Amino acid sequence: MTTYIQVVTTLNDKKTAAEIAGALLEKKLVACVQILPCQSMYRWQGKIEESEEYFCIMKSSSRLYPKLEKAIRESHPYDVPEILAVEVVAGNREYLDWLDQELLFIPPEYKA
């Protein structure tokens, strides 16, 4: 059975977010990406920082996570990019079937 995930990352501008989203969609590592503006506050190198960012929410499969993380890291402009994945515990069956159709197929026995 497929384990679906939502993966999030943040980027410094909308153009970069759209470019990365497009590349991940082309590679079929994600089926959908929402890009939302957000205000981020975080501690970085001992100081509290605040910045305008773009929050990307991506739908994928746990089997694709290693490839997805690698692809994000290769094109992400941050030194330490936020890349977090959470398991989807339930969902609309038709939507999950659509995910299956849109994602790169990797056999269940595949080991990353």
Protein backbone atom coordinates (compact mmCIF):
# COMPACT_ATOMS: atom_id res chain seq x y z
CA MET A 1 0.00 0.00 0.00
CA THR A 2 1.25 3.47 -0.89
CA THR A 3 2.10 5.82 1.94
CA TYR A 4 1.31 9.36 0.90
CA ILE A 5 3.16 12.35 2.31
CA GLN A 6 2.98 16.12 2.34
CA VAL A 7 6.37 17.76 2.08
CA VAL A 8 6.95 21.41 2.89
CA THR A 9 9.73 23.84 2.17
CA THR A 10 10.09 27.61 2.21
CA LEU A 11 11.75 29.80 -0.39
CA ASN A 12 12.82 33.41 -0.53
CA ASP A 13 10.86 34.44 -3.65
CA LYS A 14 7.87 33.36 -5.71
CA LYS A 15 9.86 32.89 -8.93
CA THR A 16 12.25 30.40 -7.32
CA ALA A 17 9.33 28.60 -5.66
CA ALA A 18 7.55 28.28 -9.02
CA GLU A 19 10.72 27.10 -10.79
CA ILE A 20 11.38 24.39 -8.20
CA ALA A 21 7.71 23.34 -8.17
CA GLY A 22 7.71 23.08 -11.98
CA ALA A 23 10.87 20.96 -12.02
CA LEU A 24 9.49 18.60 -9.36
CA LEU A 25 6.20 18.26 -11.27
CA GLU A 26 8.09 17.54 -14.52
CA LYS A 27 10.04 14.77 -12.79
CA LYS A 28 6.76 13.40 -11.34
CA LEU A 29 8.22 13.56 -7.83
CA VAL A 30 5.15 15.52 -6.73
CA ALA A 31 1.60 15.61 -8.05
CA CYS A 32 0.65 19.02 -6.71
CA VAL A 33 2.33 22.05 -5.15
CA GLN A 34 0.64 24.95 -3.41
CA ILE A 35 2.74 28.12 -3.10
CA LEU A 36 1.64 30.54 -0.41
CA PRO A 37 3.19 33.80 0.82
CA CYS A 38 4.11 33.74 4.50
CA GLN A 39 5.90 35.73 7.16
CA SER A 40 8.61 33.66 8.81
CA MET A 41 10.35 34.26 12.13
CA TYR A 42 13.21 31.99 13.14
CA ARG A 43 16.47 31.84 15.01
CA TRP A 44 19.51 31.76 12.70
CA GLN A 45 23.13 31.95 13.81
CA GLY A 46 22.17 33.24 17.26
CA LYS A 47 19.82 35.99 16.08
CA ILE A 48 16.07 36.18 15.64
CA GLU A 49 15.31 36.81 11.97
CA GLU A 50 12.13 37.75 10.15
CA SER A 51 11.51 37.45 6.41
CA GLU A 52 8.90 37.22 3.69
CA GLU A 53 8.97 33.73 2.23
CA TYR A 54 6.91 31.39 0.09
CA PHE A 55 5.61 28.23 1.73
CA CYS A 56 5.42 25.25 -0.65
CA ILE A 57 3.17 22.31 0.23
CA MET A 58 3.83 19.28 -1.97
CA LYS A 59 1.90 16.00 -2.32
CA SER A 60 3.96 12.89 -2.92
CA SER A 61 4.69 9.33 -1.82
CA SER A 62 7.08 8.13 0.86
CA ARG A 63 8.86 5.96 -1.73
CA LEU A 64 9.72 9.12 -3.67
CA TYR A 65 10.97 11.05 -0.64
CA PRO A 66 14.71 10.35 -1.08
CA LYS A 67 14.60 11.51 -4.73
CA LEU A 68 12.35 14.46 -3.82
CA GLU A 69 14.63 15.66 -1.02
CA LYS A 70 17.68 15.35 -3.27
CA ALA A 71 15.98 17.36 -6.05
CA ILE A 72 14.91 20.09 -3.63
CA ARG A 73 18.40 20.31 -2.08
CA GLU A 74 20.06 20.57 -5.51
CA SER A 75 18.08 23.66 -6.49
CA HIS A 76 17.28 25.29 -3.13
CA PRO A 77 19.10 28.59 -2.48
CA TYR A 78 19.28 28.26 1.35
CA ASP A 79 22.29 26.83 3.19
CA VAL A 80 19.94 24.76 5.39
CA PRO A 81 16.61 24.39 3.60
CA GLU A 82 13.50 23.42 5.49
CA ILE A 83 12.38 20.08 4.06
CA LEU A 84 9.83 18.34 6.26
CA ALA A 85 7.57 15.42 5.41
CA VAL A 86 4.45 14.29 7.23
CA GLU A 87 2.52 11.13 6.53
CA VAL A 88 -1.03 11.42 5.27
CA VAL A 89 -3.10 9.20 7.56
CA ALA A 90 -6.36 9.43 5.59
CA GLY A 91 -7.68 11.08 2.46
CA ASN A 92 -10.32 11.21 -0.24
CA ARG A 93 -9.89 7.93 -2.15
CA GLU A 94 -10.40 9.58 -5.54
CA TYR A 95 -7.73 12.15 -4.72
CA LEU A 96 -5.29 9.46 -3.58
CA ASP A 97 -5.97 7.50 -6.80
CA TRP A 98 -5.18 10.68 -8.75
CA LEU A 99 -1.88 10.98 -6.84
CA ASP A 100 -1.01 7.43 -7.86
CA GLN A 101 -1.61 8.29 -11.52
CA GLU A 102 0.49 11.48 -11.42
CA LEU A 103 3.52 10.32 -9.43
CA LEU A 104 6.58 8.50 -10.72
CA PHE A 105 6.06 4.78 -10.18
CA ILE A 106 8.63 3.11 -7.97
CA PRO A 107 7.97 -0.54 -7.13
CA PRO A 108 7.17 -1.28 -3.47
CA GLU A 109 10.26 -3.48 -3.13
CA TYR A 110 12.56 -0.59 -4.20
CA LYS A 111 15.11 0.36 -1.55
CA ALA A 112 16.59 3.88 -1.76
